[in-house]
Amino acid sequence: MNRPAPRGYLIDIEGVLVRNKAYEPVAGSVEWMERLAAAGAPFCLVSNNTTDRPGTLIDRLNRAGFSLTRGHLLGAVELALTLLMERGIGRIVWLGAPGMRGYWEEAGIEVVGGGPCGAVVMGLDPGLDVARLDAVLPSLLDHGADLICLHRNLFYLDADDRRRLGPGCWSAALEALGGRGKVVTVGKPDPRIYRAAMKRIGVAAADTLFISDDPVADLVTAGRLGMQTAFVLSGKYGDHEILGRMDQEDWPGIICSRLADLPLPEKEPE
């Protein structure tokens, strides 16, 4: 089936714009983004990054050569903060990067190490150990805390290009405990972040192209919501072998080596 040329773009960051946590741009990505902006096409970066504040993340990208503003980013951490506020949760256990503790506290949320709380919030912390996971068991099993997963990625590429286990592994383990609270995912692959991103750019699903290096965690949901999808081989997967482990109906519509291989929209007439 022929799809219309996309009018809006939702773009993953790591593995698409930059290779990994070192934030070195993928070849051609800076120029491609410049041309996308010049064409006037609406776009949004949709990120599961939980180790940087949104403003810090934009600063890192701009230091790498991009020209982005805070309004170009929609991240799991900001959606989680909104969710906590909506639910009136004022005390959490934060299982994520220690440097992000202040992000929650500056919003008026108390961060504790365990015990009674409204939610256990799971992000990425490469130093997370079993002792810290053990400490949240009473929160989940005895006090009915919700488990809020910022995303479900099973692995990521660190700054040295090594595969590291992601928070999705620990989230699955804690969910399997069957705690008394609710289990909520706010980032990819949960549909809420995709819908929020489409609302941000004001483009319908059928006219939106989602670009990612992760066909499983990112593109399956995008496709099921009716978006066009593009799988780039510049990040987690260097070839398309992963597709053999997926249902064919969930395969991405486009496969290419890198972002710069994708066609750009024509510039809007003056």
C-alpha atoms as a PDB file:
ATOM      1  CA  MET A   1       0.000   0.000   0.000  1.00  0.00           C
ATOM      2  CA  ASN A   2       1.341   3.417  -0.961  1.00  0.00           C
ATOM      3  CA  ARG A   3       1.531   5.826   1.943  1.00  0.00           C
ATOM      4  CA  PRO A   4       1.437   9.607   1.599  1.00  0.00           C
ATOM      5  CA  ALA A   5       4.686  11.493   2.038  1.00  0.00           C
ATOM      6  CA  PRO A   6       5.057  12.277   5.734  1.00  0.00           C
ATOM      7  CA  ARG A   7       4.132  15.768   6.899  1.00  0.00           C
ATOM      8  CA  GLY A   8       5.503  15.384  10.425  1.00  0.00           C
ATOM      9  CA  TYR A   9       8.398  13.540  12.026  1.00  0.00           C
ATOM     10  CA  LEU A  10       8.901  11.872  15.399  1.00  0.00           C
ATOM     11  CA  ILE A  11      12.561  11.075  15.938  1.00  0.00           C
ATOM     12  CA  ASP A  12      14.415   8.946  18.463  1.00  0.00           C
ATOM     13  CA  ILE A  13      17.720  10.371  19.716  1.00  0.00           C
ATOM     14  CA  GLU A  14      20.238   7.686  20.664  1.00  0.00           C
ATOM     15  CA  GLY A  15      21.056   5.489  17.689  1.00  0.00           C
ATOM     16  CA  VAL A  16      19.476   7.974  15.267  1.00  0.00           C
ATOM     17  CA  LEU A  17      20.874  11.453  15.872  1.00  0.00           C
ATOM     18  CA  VAL A  18      23.790  10.241  17.985  1.00  0.00           C
ATOM     19  CA  ARG A  19      25.383   6.821  18.138  1.00  0.00           C
ATOM     20  CA  ASN A  20      25.263   6.168  21.890  1.00  0.00           C
ATOM     21  CA  LYS A  21      25.687   7.775  25.330  1.00  0.00           C
ATOM     22  CA  ALA A  22      28.853   9.547  24.140  1.00  0.00           C
ATOM     23  CA  TYR A  23      26.567  11.771  22.033  1.00  0.00           C
ATOM     24  CA  GLU A  24      28.751  11.809  18.952  1.00  0.00           C
ATOM     25  CA  PRO A  25      26.499  12.569  15.953  1.00  0.00           C
ATOM     26  CA  VAL A  26      25.760   9.819  13.469  1.00  0.00           C
ATOM     27  CA  ALA A  27      27.297  10.832  10.126  1.00  0.00           C
ATOM     28  CA  GLY A  28      24.998  13.189   8.255  1.00  0.00           C
ATOM     29  CA  SER A  29      22.438  13.553  11.046  1.00  0.00           C
ATOM     30  CA  VAL A  30      23.217  17.194  11.882  1.00  0.00           C
ATOM     31  CA  GLU A  31      22.862  18.234   8.252  1.00  0.00           C
ATOM     32  CA  TRP A  32      19.682  16.191   7.795  1.00  0.00           C
ATOM     33  CA  MET A  33      18.065  17.866  10.796  1.00  0.00           C
ATOM     34  CA  GLU A  34      19.086  21.299   9.518  1.00  0.00           C
ATOM     35  CA  ARG A  35      17.435  20.570   6.179  1.00  0.00           C
ATOM     36  CA  LEU A  36      14.323  19.205   7.897  1.00  0.00           C
ATOM     37  CA  ALA A  37      13.976  22.435   9.873  1.00  0.00           C
ATOM     38  CA  ALA A  38      14.590  24.511   6.739  1.00  0.00           C
ATOM     39  CA  ALA A  39      11.788  22.632   4.977  1.00  0.00           C
ATOM     40  CA  GLY A  40       9.393  23.766   7.690  1.00  0.00           C
ATOM     41  CA  ALA A  41       8.226  20.254   8.581  1.00  0.00           C
ATOM     42  CA  PRO A  42       7.069  19.874  12.199  1.00  0.00           C
ATOM     43  CA  PHE A  43       9.121  17.424  14.221  1.00  0.00           C
ATOM     44  CA  CYS A  44       9.584  16.259  17.782  1.00  0.00           C
ATOM     45  CA  LEU A  45      12.352  14.274  19.439  1.00  0.00           C
ATOM     46  CA  VAL A  46      10.721  11.466  21.425  1.00  0.00           C
ATOM     47  CA  SER A  47      13.137  10.299  24.078  1.00  0.00           C
ATOM     48  CA  ASN A  48      13.291   7.663  26.785  1.00  0.00           C
ATOM     49  CA  ASN A  49      16.378   9.344  28.254  1.00  0.00           C
ATOM     50  CA  THR A  50      16.076   9.311  32.052  1.00  0.00           C
ATOM     51  CA  THR A  51      19.625  10.304  33.001  1.00  0.00           C
ATOM     52  CA  ASP A  52      19.440  13.961  31.881  1.00  0.00           C
ATOM     53  CA  ARG A  53      17.025  16.773  32.580  1.00  0.00           C
ATOM     54  CA  PRO A  54      15.207  17.842  29.401  1.00  0.00           C
ATOM     55  CA  GLY A  55      17.117  21.124  29.160  1.00  0.00           C
ATOM     56  CA  THR A  56      20.427  19.375  29.762  1.00  0.00           C
ATOM     57  CA  LEU A  57      19.655  16.872  27.017  1.00  0.00           C
ATOM     58  CA  ILE A  58      18.983  19.647  24.511  1.00  0.00           C
ATOM     59  CA  ASP A  59      22.220  21.358  25.562  1.00  0.00           C
ATOM     60  CA  ARG A  60      24.163  18.137  24.960  1.00  0.00           C
ATOM     61  CA  LEU A  61      22.694  17.789  21.490  1.00  0.00           C
ATOM     62  CA  ASN A  62      23.437  21.401  20.616  1.00  0.00           C
ATOM     63  CA  ARG A  63      27.030  21.022  21.780  1.00  0.00           C
ATOM     64  CA  ALA A  64      27.216  18.067  19.378  1.00  0.00           C
ATOM     65  CA  GLY A  65      26.269  20.376  16.505  1.00  0.00           C
ATOM     66  CA  PHE A  66      22.468  20.331  16.369  1.00  0.00           C
ATOM     67  CA  SER A  67      20.263  23.436  16.528  1.00  0.00           C
ATOM     68  CA  LEU A  68      17.368  22.492  18.784  1.00  0.00           C
ATOM     69  CA  THR A  69      15.123  24.132  21.358  1.00  0.00           C
ATOM     70  CA  ARG A  70      13.450  22.762  24.453  1.00  0.00           C
ATOM     71  CA  GLY A  71      10.160  22.691  22.560  1.00  0.00           C
ATOM     72  CA  HIS A  72      11.567  20.113  20.147  1.00  0.00           C
ATOM     73  CA  LEU A  73      11.801  17.475  22.902  1.00  0.00           C
ATOM     74  CA  LEU A  74       9.189  15.269  24.523  1.00  0.00           C
ATOM     75  CA  GLY A  75      10.677  12.939  27.112  1.00  0.00           C
ATOM     76  CA  ALA A  76       9.594  10.208  29.481  1.00  0.00           C
ATOM     77  CA  VAL A  77      10.774  12.139  32.545  1.00  0.00           C
ATOM     78  CA  GLU A  78       8.477  15.095  31.900  1.00  0.00           C
ATOM     79  CA  LEU A  79       5.505  12.811  31.263  1.00  0.00           C
ATOM     80  CA  ALA A  80       6.260  10.985  34.506  1.00  0.00           C
ATOM     81  CA  LEU A  81       6.365  14.261  36.425  1.00  0.00           C
ATOM     82  CA  THR A  82       3.008  15.250  34.957  1.00  0.00           C
ATOM     83  CA  LEU A  83       1.580  11.858  35.935  1.00  0.00           C
ATOM     84  CA  LEU A  84       2.815  12.185  39.522  1.00  0.00           C
ATOM     85  CA  MET A  85       1.256  15.638  39.798  1.00  0.00           C
ATOM     86  CA  GLU A  86      -2.045  14.449  38.330  1.00  0.00           C
ATOM     87  CA  ARG A  87      -2.198  11.578  40.809  1.00  0.00           C
ATOM     88  CA  GLY A  88      -1.204  13.729  43.751  1.00  0.00           C
ATOM     89  CA  ILE A  89       1.844  11.589  44.505  1.00  0.00           C
ATOM     90  CA  GLY A  90       4.240  13.618  46.624  1.00  0.00           C
ATOM     91  CA  ARG A  91       6.655  10.934  47.817  1.00  0.00           C
ATOM     92  CA  ILE A  92       8.558   8.476  45.642  1.00  0.00           C
ATOM     93  CA  VAL A  93      11.442   6.054  45.596  1.00  0.00           C
ATOM     94  CA  TRP A  94      13.669   6.943  42.644  1.00  0.00           C
ATOM     95  CA  LEU A  95      15.441   3.960  41.070  1.00  0.00           C
ATOM     96  CA  GLY A  96      17.380   5.928  38.508  1.00  0.00           C
ATOM     97  CA  ALA A  97      20.406   8.122  37.952  1.00  0.00           C
ATOM     98  CA  PRO A  98      21.400   9.800  41.255  1.00  0.00           C
ATOM     99  CA  GLY A  99      21.939  13.082  39.431  1.00  0.00           C
ATOM    100  CA  MET A 100      18.237  13.228  38.568  1.00  0.00           C
ATOM    101  CA  ARG A 101      17.075  13.232  42.192  1.00  0.00           C
ATOM    102  CA  GLY A 102      16.971  17.026  42.186  1.00  0.00           C
ATOM    103  CA  TYR A 103      14.655  17.039  39.160  1.00  0.00           C
ATOM    104  CA  TRP A 104      11.923  15.490  41.287  1.00  0.00           C
ATOM    105  CA  GLU A 105      12.715  17.418  44.448  1.00  0.00           C
ATOM    106  CA  GLU A 106      12.638  20.792  42.685  1.00  0.00           C
ATOM    107  CA  ALA A 107       9.099  19.929  41.576  1.00  0.00           C
ATOM    108  CA  GLY A 108       8.108  19.453  45.222  1.00  0.00           C
ATOM    109  CA  ILE A 109       8.315  15.665  45.326  1.00  0.00           C
ATOM    110  CA  GLU A 110      10.003  14.014  48.296  1.00  0.00           C
ATOM    111  CA  VAL A 111      12.474  11.283  47.338  1.00  0.00           C
ATOM    112  CA  VAL A 112      12.937   8.499  49.901  1.00  0.00           C
ATOM    113  CA  GLY A 113      14.930   5.281  49.973  1.00  0.00           C
ATOM    114  CA  GLY A 114      12.038   2.950  50.736  1.00  0.00           C
ATOM    115  CA  GLY A 115       9.028   2.410  52.970  1.00  0.00           C
ATOM    116  CA  PRO A 116       5.675   4.169  52.561  1.00  0.00           C
ATOM    117  CA  CYS A 117       5.453   6.178  49.334  1.00  0.00           C
ATOM    118  CA  GLY A 118       3.105   6.782  46.452  1.00  0.00           C
ATOM    119  CA  ALA A 119       5.282   5.299  43.746  1.00  0.00           C
ATOM    120  CA  VAL A 120       8.511   3.545  42.931  1.00  0.00           C
ATOM    121  CA  VAL A 121       9.792   5.297  39.802  1.00  0.00           C
ATOM    122  CA  MET A 122      12.129   3.236  37.622  1.00  0.00           C
ATOM    123  CA  GLY A 123      14.645   4.929  35.341  1.00  0.00           C
ATOM    124  CA  LEU A 124      18.146   4.091  34.154  1.00  0.00           C
ATOM    125  CA  ASP A 125      20.941   3.796  36.700  1.00  0.00           C
ATOM    126  CA  PRO A 126      23.985   1.817  35.501  1.00  0.00           C
ATOM    127  CA  GLY A 127      25.004   1.409  39.145  1.00  0.00           C
ATOM    128  CA  LEU A 128      21.704  -0.045  40.342  1.00  0.00           C
ATOM    129  CA  ASP A 129      22.328  -3.031  42.608  1.00  0.00           C
ATOM    130  CA  VAL A 130      20.280  -5.763  44.242  1.00  0.00           C
ATOM    131  CA  ALA A 131      20.351  -4.023  47.624  1.00  0.00           C
ATOM    132  CA  ARG A 132      18.475  -1.026  46.215  1.00  0.00           C
ATOM    133  CA  LEU A 133      15.954  -3.294  44.532  1.00  0.00           C
ATOM    134  CA  ASP A 134      15.474  -5.196  47.795  1.00  0.00           C
ATOM    135  CA  ALA A 135      14.829  -1.912  49.592  1.00  0.00           C
ATOM    136  CA  VAL A 136      11.724  -1.165  47.512  1.00  0.00           C
ATOM    137  CA  LEU A 137      10.013  -4.494  48.155  1.00  0.00           C
ATOM    138  CA  PRO A 138       8.154  -3.219  51.246  1.00  0.00           C
ATOM    139  CA  SER A 139       7.023  -0.159  49.282  1.00  0.00           C
ATOM    140  CA  LEU A 140       5.473  -2.332  46.587  1.00  0.00           C
ATOM    141  CA  LEU A 141       4.308  -5.348  48.574  1.00  0.00           C
ATOM    142  CA  ASP A 142       3.293  -3.830  51.916  1.00  0.00           C
ATOM    143  CA  HIS A 143       2.463  -0.186  51.259  1.00  0.00           C
ATOM    144  CA  GLY A 144       0.767  -0.434  47.857  1.00  0.00           C
ATOM    145  CA  ALA A 145       3.078   1.917  45.975  1.00  0.00           C
ATOM    146  CA  ASP A 146       2.573   2.162  42.233  1.00  0.00           C
ATOM    147  CA  LEU A 147       5.416   1.045  39.964  1.00  0.00           C
ATOM    148  CA  ILE A 148       5.995   3.787  37.390  1.00  0.00           C
ATOM    149  CA  CYS A 149       8.346   2.659  34.631  1.00  0.00           C
ATOM    150  CA  LEU A 150       9.815   5.526  32.648  1.00  0.00           C
ATOM    151  CA  HIS A 151      10.374   3.067  29.818  1.00  0.00           C
ATOM    152  CA  ARG A 152      10.836  -0.634  29.089  1.00  0.00           C
ATOM    153  CA  ASN A 153      14.085  -0.734  27.114  1.00  0.00           C
ATOM    154  CA  LEU A 154      15.905  -3.983  27.829  1.00  0.00           C
ATOM    155  CA  PHE A 155      19.339  -2.713  26.821  1.00  0.00           C
ATOM    156  CA  TYR A 156      21.169   0.369  25.592  1.00  0.00           C
ATOM    157  CA  LEU A 157      24.580   1.349  24.230  1.00  0.00           C
ATOM    158  CA  ASP A 158      26.799   3.130  26.739  1.00  0.00           C
ATOM    159  CA  ALA A 159      29.420   5.772  25.935  1.00  0.00           C
ATOM    160  CA  ASP A 160      31.923   3.018  25.084  1.00  0.00           C
ATOM    161  CA  ASP A 161      29.438   1.353  22.700  1.00  0.00           C
ATOM    162  CA  ARG A 162      28.906  -1.574  25.061  1.00  0.00           C
ATOM    163  CA  ARG A 163      25.489  -3.178  25.458  1.00  0.00           C
ATOM    164  CA  ARG A 164      24.198  -2.631  28.991  1.00  0.00           C
ATOM    165  CA  LEU A 165      21.049  -3.937  30.635  1.00  0.00           C
ATOM    166  CA  GLY A 166      18.299  -1.332  30.698  1.00  0.00           C
ATOM    167  CA  PRO A 167      15.574  -0.546  33.223  1.00  0.00           C
ATOM    168  CA  GLY A 168      13.093  -2.728  31.376  1.00  0.00           C
ATOM    169  CA  CYS A 169      14.801  -5.769  32.897  1.00  0.00           C
ATOM    170  CA  TRP A 170      14.365  -4.522  36.458  1.00  0.00           C
ATOM    171  CA  SER A 171      10.853  -3.236  35.760  1.00  0.00           C
ATOM    172  CA  ALA A 172       9.809  -6.702  34.591  1.00  0.00           C
ATOM    173  CA  ALA A 173      11.220  -8.271  37.754  1.00  0.00           C
ATOM    174  CA  LEU A 174       9.419  -5.819  40.042  1.00  0.00           C
ATOM    175  CA  GLU A 175       6.179  -6.137  38.089  1.00  0.00           C
ATOM    176  CA  ALA A 176       6.326  -9.924  38.458  1.00  0.00           C
ATOM    177  CA  LEU A 177       6.149  -9.495  42.236  1.00  0.00           C
ATOM    178  CA  GLY A 178       2.461  -8.691  41.926  1.00  0.00           C
ATOM    179  CA  GLY A 179       2.482  -5.676  44.233  1.00  0.00           C
ATOM    180  CA  ARG A 180      -0.703  -4.010  45.427  1.00  0.00           C
ATOM    181  CA  GLY A 181      -0.285  -0.818  43.396  1.00  0.00           C
ATOM    182  CA  LYS A 182      -0.663  -0.126  39.697  1.00  0.00           C
ATOM    183  CA  VAL A 183       2.050  -0.658  37.089  1.00  0.00           C
ATOM    184  CA  VAL A 184       2.335   2.214  34.621  1.00  0.00           C
ATOM    185  CA  THR A 185       4.741   2.798  31.725  1.00  0.00           C
ATOM    186  CA  VAL A 186       5.040   6.403  30.547  1.00  0.00           C
ATOM    187  CA  GLY A 187       7.749   6.277  27.844  1.00  0.00           C
ATOM    188  CA  LYS A 188       8.123   4.124  24.769  1.00  0.00           C
ATOM    189  CA  PRO A 189       6.610   1.641  24.015  1.00  0.00           C
ATOM    190  CA  ASP A 190       3.510   2.908  25.851  1.00  0.00           C
ATOM    191  CA  PRO A 191       1.121   4.690  23.470  1.00  0.00           C
ATOM    192  CA  ARG A 192       0.749   7.769  25.691  1.00  0.00           C
ATOM    193  CA  ILE A 193       4.088   9.301  24.681  1.00  0.00           C
ATOM    194  CA  TYR A 194       3.360   8.714  20.978  1.00  0.00           C
ATOM    195  CA  ARG A 195      -0.031  10.392  21.235  1.00  0.00           C
ATOM    196  CA  ALA A 196       1.441  13.298  23.179  1.00  0.00           C
ATOM    197  CA  ALA A 197       4.127  13.722  20.518  1.00  0.00           C
ATOM    198  CA  MET A 198       1.594  13.708  17.675  1.00  0.00           C
ATOM    199  CA  LYS A 199      -0.401  16.333  19.549  1.00  0.00           C
ATOM    200  CA  ARG A 200       2.780  18.374  19.949  1.00  0.00           C
ATOM    201  CA  ILE A 201       3.448  18.497  16.190  1.00  0.00           C
ATOM    202  CA  GLY A 202      -0.224  18.652  15.198  1.00  0.00           C
ATOM    203  CA  VAL A 203      -0.019  15.918  12.566  1.00  0.00           C
ATOM    204  CA  ALA A 204      -2.246  12.844  12.207  1.00  0.00           C
ATOM    205  CA  ALA A 205      -0.752   9.379  12.618  1.00  0.00           C
ATOM    206  CA  ALA A 206      -1.034   8.443   8.933  1.00  0.00           C
ATOM    207  CA  ASP A 207       0.988  11.523   7.976  1.00  0.00           C
ATOM    208  CA  THR A 208       3.681  11.033  10.634  1.00  0.00           C
ATOM    209  CA  LEU A 209       6.975   9.168  10.206  1.00  0.00           C
ATOM    210  CA  PHE A 210       8.533   7.692  13.349  1.00  0.00           C
ATOM    211  CA  ILE A 211      12.296   7.124  13.002  1.00  0.00           C
ATOM    212  CA  SER A 212      14.163   4.854  15.432  1.00  0.00           C
ATOM    213  CA  ASP A 213      17.001   2.365  15.802  1.00  0.00           C
ATOM    214  CA  ASP A 214      14.762   0.037  17.846  1.00  0.00           C
ATOM    215  CA  PRO A 215      12.023  -1.695  15.851  1.00  0.00           C
ATOM    216  CA  VAL A 216      10.812  -3.633  18.889  1.00  0.00           C
ATOM    217  CA  ALA A 217      10.610  -1.036  21.659  1.00  0.00           C
ATOM    218  CA  ASP A 218       9.769   1.985  19.476  1.00  0.00           C
ATOM    219  CA  LEU A 219       8.371   1.159  16.067  1.00  0.00           C
ATOM    220  CA  VAL A 220       5.853  -1.582  16.862  1.00  0.00           C
ATOM    221  CA  THR A 221       3.667   0.818  18.820  1.00  0.00           C
ATOM    222  CA  ALA A 222       4.120   3.555  16.210  1.00  0.00           C
ATOM    223  CA  GLY A 223       2.970   1.213  13.458  1.00  0.00           C
ATOM    224  CA  ARG A 224      -0.013  -0.047  15.431  1.00  0.00           C
ATOM    225  CA  LEU A 225      -1.100   3.546  15.995  1.00  0.00           C
ATOM    226  CA  GLY A 226      -1.108   4.039  12.227  1.00  0.00           C
ATOM    227  CA  MET A 227       2.179   5.884  11.775  1.00  0.00           C
ATOM    228  CA  GLN A 228       4.738   5.335   9.059  1.00  0.00           C
ATOM    229  CA  THR A 229       7.937   3.813  10.437  1.00  0.00           C
ATOM    230  CA  ALA A 230      11.636   3.878   9.575  1.00  0.00           C
ATOM    231  CA  PHE A 231      14.279   1.602  11.119  1.00  0.00           C
ATOM    232  CA  VAL A 232      17.834   2.948  10.975  1.00  0.00           C
ATOM    233  CA  LEU A 233      20.823   0.630  11.425  1.00  0.00           C
ATOM    234  CA  SER A 234      23.056   3.206  13.113  1.00  0.00           C
ATOM    235  CA  GLY A 235      22.368   2.264  16.724  1.00  0.00           C
ATOM    236  CA  LYS A 236      21.375  -0.869  18.616  1.00  0.00           C
ATOM    237  CA  TYR A 237      21.222  -3.115  15.567  1.00  0.00           C
ATOM    238  CA  GLY A 238      23.750  -3.098  12.746  1.00  0.00           C
ATOM    239  CA  ASP A 239      21.565  -5.219  10.468  1.00  0.00           C
ATOM    240  CA  HIS A 240      17.926  -6.229  10.140  1.00  0.00           C
ATOM    241  CA  GLU A 241      18.271  -9.728  11.659  1.00  0.00           C
ATOM    242  CA  ILE A 242      16.106  -8.637  14.618  1.00  0.00           C
ATOM    243  CA  LEU A 243      13.102  -8.498  12.288  1.00  0.00           C
ATOM    244  CA  GLY A 244      13.194 -12.286  12.018  1.00  0.00           C
ATOM    245  CA  ARG A 245      12.110 -12.423  15.665  1.00  0.00           C
ATOM    246  CA  MET A 246       9.132 -10.134  15.099  1.00  0.00           C
ATOM    247  CA  ASP A 247       5.713 -10.677  13.563  1.00  0.00           C
ATOM    248  CA  GLN A 248       5.906  -9.621   9.939  1.00  0.00           C
ATOM    249  CA  GLU A 249       2.899  -7.341  10.378  1.00  0.00           C
ATOM    250  CA  ASP A 250       5.010  -5.296  12.820  1.00  0.00           C
ATOM    251  CA  TRP A 251       7.971  -4.834  10.490  1.00  0.00           C
ATOM    252  CA  PRO A 252       8.920  -1.216   9.767  1.00  0.00           C
ATOM    253  CA  GLY A 253       7.971   0.280   6.434  1.00  0.00           C
ATOM    254  CA  ILE A 254      11.486   1.593   5.735  1.00  0.00           C
ATOM    255  CA  ILE A 255      14.929   0.203   6.587  1.00  0.00           C
ATOM    256  CA  CYS A 256      18.026   2.298   5.980  1.00  0.00           C
ATOM    257  CA  SER A 257      21.584   2.623   7.207  1.00  0.00           C
ATOM    258  CA  ARG A 258      21.228   6.021   8.844  1.00  0.00           C
ATOM    259  CA  LEU A 259      19.023   9.071   9.152  1.00  0.00           C
ATOM    260  CA  ALA A 260      20.762  10.858   6.276  1.00  0.00           C
ATOM    261  CA  ASP A 261      19.532   8.153   3.872  1.00  0.00           C
ATOM    262  CA  LEU A 262      15.895   9.144   4.371  1.00  0.00           C
ATOM    263  CA  PRO A 263      14.315  11.529   1.865  1.00  0.00           C
ATOM    264  CA  LEU A 264      13.438  14.971   3.142  1.00  0.00           C
ATOM    265  CA  PRO A 265      10.192  16.841   2.535  1.00  0.00           C
ATOM    266  CA  GLU A 266      10.143  19.604  -0.010  1.00  0.00           C
ATOM    267  CA  LYS A 267      10.376  23.095   1.396  1.00  0.00           C
ATOM    268  CA  GLU A 268       7.031  24.755   1.957  1.00  0.00           C
ATOM    269  CA  PRO A 269       6.357  27.526  -0.588  1.00  0.00           C
ATOM    270  CA  GLU A 270       6.902  31.055   0.677  1.00  0.00           C
END
